Each structure stands twice: as structure tokens, then as C-alpha cells.
Amino acid sequence: MTNQYSKNLSLLHALCLAEQDALPSSNLEDYDPIKAASYLACFITAKAIKEASRSPADERYDNFDMLSVYQAFALMVYAYLVLPLGSENIVADLEQDQIIIARSLFAELTNEELVDIVESGMRKFHLVGDADAEHWTHYREDLDKAVIAFLVAGTDDAAPFEKEELIPVLGAFLSMLCEAFA
């Protein structure tokens, strides 16, 4: 996957844009792999939220802290998407990109609400990432596999499954995270 991984991120970004009826460029050079990763993190998170039958619009008023759980989930997805880019000497800026992800997921929120979600989401991201408990280790490993499987399914015609088949799995991972922070 070396030197191909960034192209696969860019390709999946373009394909997901096409699914949304956007008119993407057919030139993969037009898709920065880091921007592709932040877009895909939001795309996957939005699909997982829908699959988990959650409603961020309602939770904004009823359970605001749950929005930071979605942010933490998106940050984990993003991290798993960008980690392999290191082998191509492409480095992401999580501090900057977490803001882009929050603005993309929660465009209707005020700046003050976004700051709260970004800060709380990052704390949750670190809590899960630093947890030594065996179930969190398995959660991280399995979520990583599911995210990469989504990328493979979306970019490899020979994949044994379609990316849409992984949405319920990703929704289940989001539900587990929601339950842990409920």
C-alpha cells in the first residue's frame, strides 16, 4: 500500500463526493490526502450517526455532551485514516484538523459551542486512546480495521464486501462509544 495509500484516500474522497451528487474532479491530484481524510472522517461519522439512529439536532438541546462523543469518534476515524500516510512522509495536523472536522459535522453551532465540542471531544479521544483496559484496546484495534476495510472496500473492486456493508459495523462502534460516555 506504500505510495498507493494516499491515492486511495483521494480516490475514495472523490467517489464519496460523487455519491453526494457533487461534481468532483477526475484528477486525483486535486484531492489532498489530508483533506480527504478529514472529509472521510466526517462522511463515515455522519453515516455511523444515522445508522445508530442518533439525532445530533435533538441532542444539541437534550444531551449536548453527546456531540463531543461524535467528535471523538470522528477524530479516531481520522487518526486511523492518516496514520498510514506517515510511510509516505505525509503528516497530518490533528490540532488544526479537529476544528475542520467539528465545523463540518456541526456547521449550525455557534463558535462557543464548537469550542466546547472540540475541547471535550479531544479529551474523550485521549481517554479512549490512552486507556489500558483490554476492552478499549480491542475497540481501538477493531475500529481501525473497520475504517481501513471501509477504505479498501471503497477503492478496490476485488474487495470481498462493499463499503455500505461496513456502515452498520461503524454505527455499532459509534453506539458503543456513546454508551461508554452516556
N, C-alpha and C. Protein backbone atom coordinates (compact mmCIF):
# COMPACT_ATOMS: atom_id res chain seq x y z
N MET A 1 0.81 -1.19 0.00
CA MET A 1 0.00 0.00 0.00
C MET A 1 0.86 1.26 0.00
N THR A 2 2.16 1.12 0.13
CA THR A 2 3.05 2.27 0.14
C THR A 2 2.90 3.05 -1.16
N ASN A 3 2.88 4.34 -1.06
CA ASN A 3 2.71 5.28 -2.16
C ASN A 3 1.35 5.15 -2.85
N GLN A 4 0.61 4.12 -2.55
CA GLN A 4 -0.71 3.96 -3.11
C GLN A 4 -1.77 4.45 -2.12
N TYR A 5 -1.45 4.40 -0.84
CA TYR A 5 -2.43 4.72 0.18
C TYR A 5 -3.00 6.13 0.01
N SER A 6 -2.14 7.12 -0.19
CA SER A 6 -2.63 8.50 -0.35
C SER A 6 -3.53 8.62 -1.57
N LYS A 7 -3.22 7.91 -2.62
CA LYS A 7 -4.06 7.93 -3.82
C LYS A 7 -5.41 7.27 -3.54
N ASN A 8 -5.41 6.21 -2.72
CA ASN A 8 -6.67 5.57 -2.36
C ASN A 8 -7.54 6.50 -1.52
N LEU A 9 -6.93 7.24 -0.61
CA LEU A 9 -7.69 8.23 0.17
C LEU A 9 -8.32 9.26 -0.76
N SER A 10 -7.53 9.76 -1.68
CA SER A 10 -8.03 10.77 -2.62
C SER A 10 -9.13 10.19 -3.50
N LEU A 11 -8.95 8.96 -3.94
CA LEU A 11 -9.96 8.32 -4.78
C LEU A 11 -11.27 8.15 -4.02
N LEU A 12 -11.20 7.66 -2.79
CA LEU A 12 -12.43 7.46 -2.02
C LEU A 12 -13.11 8.80 -1.73
N HIS A 13 -12.32 9.82 -1.49
CA HIS A 13 -12.88 11.17 -1.30
C HIS A 13 -13.70 11.56 -2.53
N ALA A 14 -13.11 11.41 -3.69
CA ALA A 14 -13.81 11.76 -4.94
C ALA A 14 -15.06 10.91 -5.13
N LEU A 15 -14.97 9.63 -4.84
CA LEU A 15 -16.12 8.74 -5.00
C LEU A 15 -17.26 9.09 -4.04
N CYS A 16 -16.91 9.42 -2.81
CA CYS A 16 -17.93 9.81 -1.84
C CYS A 16 -18.57 11.15 -2.21
N LEU A 17 -17.78 12.06 -2.75
CA LEU A 17 -18.35 13.32 -3.24
C LEU A 17 -19.33 13.05 -4.37
N ALA A 18 -18.97 12.13 -5.26
CA ALA A 18 -19.85 11.79 -6.37
C ALA A 18 -21.16 11.20 -5.87
N GLU A 19 -21.10 10.40 -4.80
CA GLU A 19 -22.32 9.85 -4.19
C GLU A 19 -23.24 10.95 -3.68
N GLN A 20 -22.65 12.05 -3.27
CA GLN A 20 -23.42 13.17 -2.73
C GLN A 20 -23.87 14.13 -3.83
N ASP A 21 -23.76 13.70 -5.07
CA ASP A 21 -24.13 14.48 -6.24
C ASP A 21 -23.29 15.71 -6.44
N ALA A 22 -22.09 15.72 -5.85
CA ALA A 22 -21.15 16.80 -6.13
C ALA A 22 -20.44 16.44 -7.44
N LEU A 23 -19.92 17.40 -8.09
CA LEU A 23 -19.20 17.15 -9.34
C LEU A 23 -17.70 17.18 -9.06
N PRO A 24 -17.16 16.02 -8.64
CA PRO A 24 -15.74 16.02 -8.30
C PRO A 24 -14.86 16.06 -9.55
N SER A 25 -13.66 16.51 -9.32
CA SER A 25 -12.65 16.49 -10.38
C SER A 25 -12.24 15.04 -10.62
N SER A 26 -11.93 14.70 -11.83
CA SER A 26 -11.46 13.35 -12.13
C SER A 26 -9.95 13.23 -11.96
N ASN A 27 -9.29 14.33 -11.64
CA ASN A 27 -7.85 14.32 -11.43
C ASN A 27 -7.58 14.12 -9.93
N LEU A 28 -7.03 12.96 -9.57
CA LEU A 28 -6.78 12.67 -8.16
C LEU A 28 -5.77 13.62 -7.53
N GLU A 29 -4.97 14.27 -8.34
CA GLU A 29 -4.02 15.26 -7.81
C GLU A 29 -4.74 16.46 -7.19
N ASP A 30 -6.02 16.63 -7.54
CA ASP A 30 -6.81 17.74 -6.98
C ASP A 30 -7.28 17.46 -5.55
N TYR A 31 -7.04 16.25 -5.06
CA TYR A 31 -7.51 15.84 -3.73
C TYR A 31 -6.33 15.60 -2.80
N ASP A 32 -6.14 16.53 -1.90
CA ASP A 32 -5.10 16.41 -0.89
C ASP A 32 -5.46 15.25 0.04
N PRO A 33 -4.53 14.33 0.32
CA PRO A 33 -4.88 13.18 1.15
C PRO A 33 -5.28 13.54 2.59
N ILE A 34 -4.72 14.60 3.13
CA ILE A 34 -5.09 15.02 4.49
C ILE A 34 -6.52 15.57 4.48
N LYS A 35 -6.84 16.40 3.50
CA LYS A 35 -8.20 16.91 3.38
C LYS A 35 -9.17 15.76 3.09
N ALA A 36 -8.72 14.80 2.31
CA ALA A 36 -9.54 13.62 2.03
C ALA A 36 -9.84 12.87 3.32
N ALA A 37 -8.84 12.73 4.19
CA ALA A 37 -9.02 12.03 5.46
C ALA A 37 -10.01 12.77 6.35
N SER A 38 -9.93 14.10 6.42
CA SER A 38 -10.89 14.82 7.26
C SER A 38 -12.30 14.74 6.67
N TYR A 39 -12.42 14.81 5.35
CA TYR A 39 -13.74 14.65 4.72
C TYR A 39 -14.29 13.26 5.02
N LEU A 40 -13.45 12.24 4.83
CA LEU A 40 -13.91 10.86 5.04
C LEU A 40 -14.25 10.59 6.50
N ALA A 41 -13.52 11.20 7.42
CA ALA A 41 -13.84 11.05 8.84
C ALA A 41 -15.24 11.60 9.12
N CYS A 42 -15.57 12.73 8.52
CA CYS A 42 -16.90 13.31 8.69
C CYS A 42 -17.96 12.47 7.97
N PHE A 43 -17.64 12.02 6.78
CA PHE A 43 -18.56 11.19 5.99
C PHE A 43 -18.90 9.91 6.75
N ILE A 44 -17.88 9.22 7.25
CA ILE A 44 -18.09 7.98 7.99
C ILE A 44 -18.85 8.24 9.28
N THR A 45 -18.50 9.31 9.98
CA THR A 45 -19.18 9.64 11.24
C THR A 45 -20.64 9.96 11.00
N ALA A 46 -20.93 10.74 9.97
CA ALA A 46 -22.33 11.07 9.66
C ALA A 46 -23.12 9.80 9.32
N LYS A 47 -22.52 8.91 8.55
CA LYS A 47 -23.19 7.64 8.22
C LYS A 47 -23.40 6.79 9.48
N ALA A 48 -22.40 6.76 10.35
CA ALA A 48 -22.50 5.98 11.59
C ALA A 48 -23.57 6.55 12.51
N ILE A 49 -23.66 7.89 12.59
CA ILE A 49 -24.69 8.53 13.41
C ILE A 49 -26.07 8.13 12.90
N LYS A 50 -26.25 8.20 11.61
CA LYS A 50 -27.54 7.82 11.02
C LYS A 50 -27.84 6.35 11.26
N GLU A 51 -26.84 5.50 11.07
CA GLU A 51 -27.01 4.06 11.27
C GLU A 51 -27.37 3.75 12.72
N ALA A 52 -26.81 4.50 13.66
CA ALA A 52 -27.07 4.29 15.08
C ALA A 52 -28.38 4.94 15.52
N SER A 53 -29.11 5.51 14.57
CA SER A 53 -30.40 6.18 14.85
C SER A 53 -30.27 7.27 15.90
N ARG A 54 -29.20 8.03 15.80
CA ARG A 54 -28.95 9.14 16.72
C ARG A 54 -29.37 10.43 16.03
N SER A 55 -29.62 11.47 16.82
CA SER A 55 -30.05 12.74 16.27
C SER A 55 -29.28 13.89 16.91
N PRO A 56 -28.17 14.29 16.28
CA PRO A 56 -27.40 15.41 16.83
C PRO A 56 -28.23 16.69 16.98
N ALA A 57 -29.19 16.91 16.10
CA ALA A 57 -30.02 18.12 16.19
C ALA A 57 -30.81 18.12 17.50
N ASP A 58 -31.37 16.98 17.86
CA ASP A 58 -32.11 16.89 19.13
C ASP A 58 -31.15 16.90 20.31
N GLU A 59 -30.04 16.19 20.18
CA GLU A 59 -29.10 16.09 21.29
C GLU A 59 -28.43 17.43 21.58
N ARG A 60 -28.42 18.31 20.64
CA ARG A 60 -27.87 19.65 20.87
C ARG A 60 -28.56 20.29 22.06
N TYR A 61 -29.84 20.01 22.21
CA TYR A 61 -30.62 20.61 23.29
C TYR A 61 -30.84 19.66 24.46
N ASP A 62 -30.93 18.36 24.17
CA ASP A 62 -31.26 17.38 25.20
C ASP A 62 -30.04 16.74 25.85
N ASN A 63 -28.94 16.63 25.11
CA ASN A 63 -27.76 15.92 25.59
C ASN A 63 -26.53 16.44 24.84
N PHE A 64 -26.21 17.69 25.07
CA PHE A 64 -25.17 18.39 24.31
C PHE A 64 -23.83 17.66 24.34
N ASP A 65 -23.49 17.04 25.47
CA ASP A 65 -22.19 16.36 25.58
C ASP A 65 -22.04 15.22 24.58
N MET A 66 -23.16 14.67 24.09
CA MET A 66 -23.06 13.58 23.13
C MET A 66 -22.43 14.06 21.82
N LEU A 67 -22.56 15.33 21.51
CA LEU A 67 -21.92 15.86 20.30
C LEU A 67 -20.41 15.72 20.37
N SER A 68 -19.85 15.86 21.57
CA SER A 68 -18.40 15.69 21.71
C SER A 68 -18.00 14.22 21.56
N VAL A 69 -18.93 13.30 21.82
CA VAL A 69 -18.65 11.88 21.57
C VAL A 69 -18.54 11.65 20.06
N TYR A 70 -19.43 12.28 19.30
CA TYR A 70 -19.35 12.18 17.84
C TYR A 70 -18.04 12.78 17.34
N GLN A 71 -17.64 13.87 17.94
CA GLN A 71 -16.38 14.50 17.58
C GLN A 71 -15.22 13.55 17.88
N ALA A 72 -15.24 12.93 19.05
CA ALA A 72 -14.17 11.99 19.41
C ALA A 72 -14.14 10.81 18.44
N PHE A 73 -15.31 10.30 18.06
CA PHE A 73 -15.39 9.20 17.10
C PHE A 73 -14.77 9.64 15.77
N ALA A 74 -15.14 10.82 15.30
CA ALA A 74 -14.60 11.33 14.04
C ALA A 74 -13.08 11.49 14.12
N LEU A 75 -12.58 11.92 15.28
CA LEU A 75 -11.13 12.07 15.44
C LEU A 75 -10.43 10.71 15.40
N MET A 76 -11.06 9.69 15.97
CA MET A 76 -10.47 8.35 15.91
C MET A 76 -10.44 7.86 14.46
N VAL A 77 -11.54 8.04 13.75
CA VAL A 77 -11.59 7.63 12.34
C VAL A 77 -10.51 8.38 11.57
N TYR A 78 -10.42 9.67 11.79
CA TYR A 78 -9.40 10.50 11.12
C TYR A 78 -8.00 9.97 11.43
N ALA A 79 -7.74 9.69 12.69
CA ALA A 79 -6.41 9.20 13.08
C ALA A 79 -6.07 7.90 12.36
N TYR A 80 -7.04 7.00 12.27
CA TYR A 80 -6.79 5.72 11.59
C TYR A 80 -6.60 5.93 10.09
N LEU A 81 -7.22 6.93 9.53
CA LEU A 81 -7.04 7.21 8.11
C LEU A 81 -5.70 7.87 7.81
N VAL A 82 -5.21 8.71 8.71
CA VAL A 82 -3.96 9.43 8.42
C VAL A 82 -2.70 8.71 8.88
N LEU A 83 -2.80 7.80 9.83
CA LEU A 83 -1.59 7.12 10.32
C LEU A 83 -0.77 6.48 9.20
N PRO A 84 -1.38 5.75 8.26
CA PRO A 84 -0.57 5.14 7.20
C PRO A 84 0.11 6.15 6.28
N LEU A 85 -0.33 7.39 6.29
CA LEU A 85 0.30 8.41 5.44
C LEU A 85 1.74 8.70 5.87
N GLY A 86 2.05 8.40 7.11
CA GLY A 86 3.42 8.61 7.60
C GLY A 86 4.45 7.87 6.77
N SER A 87 4.08 6.71 6.22
CA SER A 87 5.02 5.95 5.39
C SER A 87 5.31 6.66 4.07
N GLU A 88 4.47 7.64 3.73
CA GLU A 88 4.69 8.45 2.52
C GLU A 88 5.19 9.85 2.88
N ASN A 89 5.61 10.01 4.13
CA ASN A 89 6.10 11.28 4.65
C ASN A 89 5.06 12.39 4.56
N ILE A 90 3.81 12.03 4.72
CA ILE A 90 2.71 13.00 4.76
C ILE A 90 2.25 13.04 6.21
N VAL A 91 2.30 14.23 6.80
CA VAL A 91 1.99 14.37 8.22
C VAL A 91 0.75 15.24 8.38
N ALA A 92 -0.17 14.75 9.20
CA ALA A 92 -1.40 15.48 9.49
C ALA A 92 -1.21 16.38 10.70
N ASP A 93 -2.09 17.35 10.84
CA ASP A 93 -2.10 18.27 11.97
C ASP A 93 -3.43 18.10 12.70
N LEU A 94 -3.46 17.17 13.65
CA LEU A 94 -4.69 16.87 14.38
C LEU A 94 -5.27 18.10 15.06
N GLU A 95 -4.41 18.95 15.61
CA GLU A 95 -4.88 20.15 16.31
C GLU A 95 -5.70 21.06 15.38
N GLN A 96 -5.22 21.23 14.17
CA GLN A 96 -5.92 22.07 13.20
C GLN A 96 -7.12 21.34 12.59
N ASP A 97 -6.91 20.09 12.24
CA ASP A 97 -7.95 19.36 11.55
C ASP A 97 -9.14 19.02 12.43
N GLN A 98 -8.95 18.95 13.75
CA GLN A 98 -10.10 18.70 14.62
C GLN A 98 -11.12 19.84 14.52
N ILE A 99 -10.66 21.03 14.26
CA ILE A 99 -11.55 22.18 14.10
C ILE A 99 -12.32 22.06 12.79
N ILE A 100 -11.62 21.67 11.74
CA ILE A 100 -12.27 21.47 10.44
C ILE A 100 -13.34 20.39 10.55
N ILE A 101 -13.02 19.31 11.24
CA ILE A 101 -13.97 18.22 11.42
C ILE A 101 -15.19 18.70 12.20
N ALA A 102 -14.98 19.42 13.28
CA ALA A 102 -16.11 19.93 14.08
C ALA A 102 -16.98 20.88 13.27
N ARG A 103 -16.36 21.78 12.53
CA ARG A 103 -17.14 22.72 11.70
C ARG A 103 -17.93 21.99 10.63
N SER A 104 -17.37 20.91 10.11
CA SER A 104 -18.06 20.14 9.08
C SER A 104 -19.23 19.36 9.66
N LEU A 105 -19.01 18.74 10.81
CA LEU A 105 -20.08 17.94 11.42
C LEU A 105 -21.17 18.80 12.03
N PHE A 106 -20.81 19.95 12.57
CA PHE A 106 -21.74 20.76 13.35
C PHE A 106 -21.77 22.20 12.84
N ALA A 107 -22.01 22.37 11.57
CA ALA A 107 -21.97 23.68 10.93
C ALA A 107 -22.95 24.68 11.54
N GLU A 108 -24.05 24.19 12.09
CA GLU A 108 -25.09 25.09 12.60
C GLU A 108 -24.80 25.62 14.01
N LEU A 109 -23.74 25.14 14.65
CA LEU A 109 -23.45 25.55 16.02
C LEU A 109 -22.71 26.89 16.07
N THR A 110 -22.83 27.54 17.20
CA THR A 110 -22.10 28.79 17.42
C THR A 110 -20.63 28.48 17.66
N ASN A 111 -19.79 29.48 17.56
CA ASN A 111 -18.36 29.30 17.81
C ASN A 111 -18.11 28.81 19.24
N GLU A 112 -18.87 29.33 20.20
CA GLU A 112 -18.70 28.92 21.59
C GLU A 112 -19.04 27.44 21.77
N GLU A 113 -20.11 27.00 21.12
CA GLU A 113 -20.49 25.59 21.19
C GLU A 113 -19.43 24.72 20.51
N LEU A 114 -18.91 25.18 19.39
CA LEU A 114 -17.87 24.42 18.69
C LEU A 114 -16.62 24.27 19.54
N VAL A 115 -16.23 25.33 20.23
CA VAL A 115 -15.05 25.27 21.10
C VAL A 115 -15.27 24.21 22.17
N ASP A 116 -16.46 24.19 22.76
CA ASP A 116 -16.77 23.21 23.79
C ASP A 116 -16.69 21.79 23.23
N ILE A 117 -17.25 21.58 22.05
CA ILE A 117 -17.24 20.25 21.43
C ILE A 117 -15.82 19.83 21.08
N VAL A 118 -15.02 20.73 20.53
CA VAL A 118 -13.65 20.40 20.16
C VAL A 118 -12.84 20.03 21.40
N GLU A 119 -12.94 20.83 22.45
CA GLU A 119 -12.17 20.54 23.67
C GLU A 119 -12.62 19.26 24.33
N SER A 120 -13.92 19.07 24.46
CA SER A 120 -14.44 17.86 25.10
C SER A 120 -14.20 16.63 24.23
N GLY A 121 -14.34 16.78 22.93
CA GLY A 121 -14.07 15.68 22.01
C GLY A 121 -12.62 15.23 22.07
N MET A 122 -11.71 16.18 22.17
CA MET A 122 -10.29 15.84 22.26
C MET A 122 -9.99 15.12 23.58
N ARG A 123 -10.62 15.55 24.67
CA ARG A 123 -10.42 14.85 25.95
C ARG A 123 -10.90 13.40 25.84
N LYS A 124 -12.06 13.20 25.23
CA LYS A 124 -12.59 11.84 25.07
C LYS A 124 -11.69 11.02 24.13
N PHE A 125 -11.22 11.64 23.08
CA PHE A 125 -10.30 10.98 22.14
C PHE A 125 -9.07 10.47 22.90
N HIS A 126 -8.50 11.32 23.75
CA HIS A 126 -7.31 10.92 24.51
C HIS A 126 -7.65 9.88 25.57
N LEU A 127 -8.81 10.00 26.21
CA LEU A 127 -9.21 8.99 27.19
C LEU A 127 -9.28 7.60 26.57
N VAL A 128 -9.93 7.51 25.42
CA VAL A 128 -10.05 6.22 24.75
C VAL A 128 -8.69 5.78 24.22
N GLY A 129 -7.93 6.70 23.65
CA GLY A 129 -6.63 6.36 23.09
C GLY A 129 -5.61 5.93 24.12
N ASP A 130 -5.71 6.48 25.32
CA ASP A 130 -4.73 6.18 26.37
C ASP A 130 -5.19 5.06 27.31
N ALA A 131 -6.43 4.62 27.18
CA ALA A 131 -6.97 3.61 28.09
C ALA A 131 -6.23 2.28 27.94
N ASP A 132 -5.88 1.69 29.08
CA ASP A 132 -5.17 0.42 29.08
C ASP A 132 -6.11 -0.78 29.18
N ALA A 133 -7.36 -0.54 29.51
CA ALA A 133 -8.30 -1.65 29.68
C ALA A 133 -8.39 -2.46 28.39
N GLU A 134 -8.48 -3.77 28.54
CA GLU A 134 -8.47 -4.66 27.39
C GLU A 134 -9.60 -4.36 26.41
N HIS A 135 -10.79 -4.02 26.93
CA HIS A 135 -11.90 -3.75 26.01
C HIS A 135 -11.65 -2.51 25.16
N TRP A 136 -10.93 -1.53 25.69
CA TRP A 136 -10.61 -0.34 24.89
C TRP A 136 -9.53 -0.66 23.87
N THR A 137 -8.60 -1.52 24.23
CA THR A 137 -7.58 -1.95 23.26
C THR A 137 -8.25 -2.65 22.09
N HIS A 138 -9.17 -3.56 22.39
CA HIS A 138 -9.90 -4.26 21.33
C HIS A 138 -10.76 -3.29 20.51
N TYR A 139 -11.39 -2.35 21.19
CA TYR A 139 -12.21 -1.35 20.50
C TYR A 139 -11.37 -0.59 19.48
N ARG A 140 -10.22 -0.10 19.93
CA ARG A 140 -9.35 0.68 19.03
C ARG A 140 -8.87 -0.17 17.85
N GLU A 141 -8.43 -1.38 18.13
CA GLU A 141 -7.94 -2.25 17.07
C GLU A 141 -9.05 -2.59 16.07
N ASP A 142 -10.22 -2.90 16.58
CA ASP A 142 -11.32 -3.28 15.69
C ASP A 142 -11.86 -2.10 14.90
N LEU A 143 -11.90 -0.92 15.53
CA LEU A 143 -12.34 0.27 14.80
C LEU A 143 -11.33 0.60 13.69
N ASP A 144 -10.06 0.48 14.00
CA ASP A 144 -9.02 0.70 12.99
C ASP A 144 -9.23 -0.24 11.80
N LYS A 145 -9.47 -1.50 12.06
CA LYS A 145 -9.70 -2.48 10.99
C LYS A 145 -10.94 -2.11 10.17
N ALA A 146 -12.00 -1.70 10.85
CA ALA A 146 -13.24 -1.35 10.14
C ALA A 146 -13.04 -0.12 9.26
N VAL A 147 -12.31 0.87 9.74
CA VAL A 147 -12.07 2.09 8.96
C VAL A 147 -11.23 1.76 7.72
N ILE A 148 -10.18 0.99 7.91
CA ILE A 148 -9.34 0.63 6.77
C ILE A 148 -10.10 -0.28 5.81
N ALA A 149 -10.93 -1.18 6.34
CA ALA A 149 -11.75 -2.03 5.48
C ALA A 149 -12.71 -1.19 4.65
N PHE A 150 -13.25 -0.10 5.23
CA PHE A 150 -14.12 0.82 4.50
C PHE A 150 -13.35 1.44 3.34
N LEU A 151 -12.12 1.85 3.59
CA LEU A 151 -11.28 2.43 2.54
C LEU A 151 -11.01 1.41 1.44
N VAL A 152 -10.65 0.20 1.83
CA VAL A 152 -10.36 -0.85 0.84
C VAL A 152 -11.62 -1.16 0.04
N ALA A 153 -12.74 -1.32 0.72
CA ALA A 153 -13.99 -1.65 0.03
C ALA A 153 -14.39 -0.56 -0.95
N GLY A 154 -14.09 0.67 -0.62
CA GLY A 154 -14.45 1.78 -1.49
C GLY A 154 -13.52 2.00 -2.66
N THR A 155 -12.33 1.39 -2.62
CA THR A 155 -11.34 1.68 -3.66
C THR A 155 -10.83 0.44 -4.39
N ASP A 156 -11.20 -0.74 -3.93
CA ASP A 156 -10.70 -1.97 -4.54
C ASP A 156 -11.87 -2.80 -5.04
N ASP A 157 -11.96 -2.95 -6.35
CA ASP A 157 -13.05 -3.73 -6.93
C ASP A 157 -13.01 -5.20 -6.51
N ALA A 158 -11.85 -5.67 -6.09
CA ALA A 158 -11.71 -7.07 -5.68
C ALA A 158 -12.01 -7.28 -4.19
N ALA A 159 -12.37 -6.22 -3.46
CA ALA A 159 -12.69 -6.36 -2.04
C ALA A 159 -13.87 -7.32 -1.88
N PRO A 160 -13.85 -8.13 -0.84
CA PRO A 160 -14.91 -9.13 -0.66
C PRO A 160 -16.24 -8.55 -0.17
N PHE A 161 -16.31 -7.24 0.01
CA PHE A 161 -17.52 -6.60 0.51
C PHE A 161 -17.58 -5.18 -0.02
N GLU A 162 -18.74 -4.58 0.10
CA GLU A 162 -18.95 -3.19 -0.32
C GLU A 162 -18.81 -2.28 0.91
N LYS A 163 -18.44 -1.05 0.70
CA LYS A 163 -18.27 -0.14 1.84
C LYS A 163 -19.58 0.08 2.58
N GLU A 164 -20.71 0.02 1.88
CA GLU A 164 -22.01 0.20 2.53
C GLU A 164 -22.28 -0.91 3.54
N GLU A 165 -21.69 -2.09 3.32
CA GLU A 165 -21.86 -3.20 4.26
C GLU A 165 -21.14 -2.93 5.58
N LEU A 166 -20.21 -1.99 5.58
CA LEU A 166 -19.46 -1.67 6.80
C LEU A 166 -20.12 -0.57 7.63
N ILE A 167 -21.08 0.12 7.06
CA ILE A 167 -21.75 1.20 7.80
C ILE A 167 -22.41 0.68 9.08
N PRO A 168 -23.12 -0.46 9.06
CA PRO A 168 -23.68 -0.97 10.32
C PRO A 168 -22.61 -1.28 11.37
N VAL A 169 -21.47 -1.76 10.92
CA VAL A 169 -20.37 -2.04 11.85
C VAL A 169 -19.87 -0.74 12.46
N LEU A 170 -19.68 0.27 11.64
CA LEU A 170 -19.22 1.56 12.14
C LEU A 170 -20.27 2.20 13.04
N GLY A 171 -21.55 2.02 12.70
CA GLY A 171 -22.63 2.51 13.57
C GLY A 171 -22.60 1.82 14.92
N ALA A 172 -22.28 0.55 14.94
CA ALA A 172 -22.18 -0.19 16.21
C ALA A 172 -21.00 0.34 17.04
N PHE A 173 -19.88 0.64 16.39
CA PHE A 173 -18.75 1.22 17.11
C PHE A 173 -19.12 2.57 17.72
N LEU A 174 -19.84 3.38 16.95
CA LEU A 174 -20.27 4.67 17.49
C LEU A 174 -21.22 4.48 18.67
N SER A 175 -22.15 3.53 18.56
CA SER A 175 -23.07 3.26 19.66
C SER A 175 -22.34 2.84 20.93
N MET A 176 -21.31 2.01 20.76
CA MET A 176 -20.52 1.59 21.92
C MET A 176 -19.86 2.78 22.60
N LEU A 177 -19.35 3.69 21.79
CA LEU A 177 -18.70 4.87 22.34
C LEU A 177 -19.73 5.75 23.04
N CYS A 178 -20.88 5.90 22.45
CA CYS A 178 -21.96 6.69 23.05
C CYS A 178 -22.36 6.10 24.40
N GLU A 179 -22.50 4.78 24.45
CA GLU A 179 -22.87 4.11 25.70
C GLU A 179 -21.80 4.32 26.77
N ALA A 180 -20.55 4.28 26.37
CA ALA A 180 -19.46 4.44 27.32
C ALA A 180 -19.46 5.84 27.95
N PHE A 181 -19.90 6.83 27.20
CA PHE A 181 -19.89 8.21 27.70
C PHE A 181 -21.28 8.72 28.10
N ALA A 182 -22.26 7.84 28.07
CA ALA A 182 -23.63 8.25 28.44
C ALA A 182 -23.72 8.54 29.93
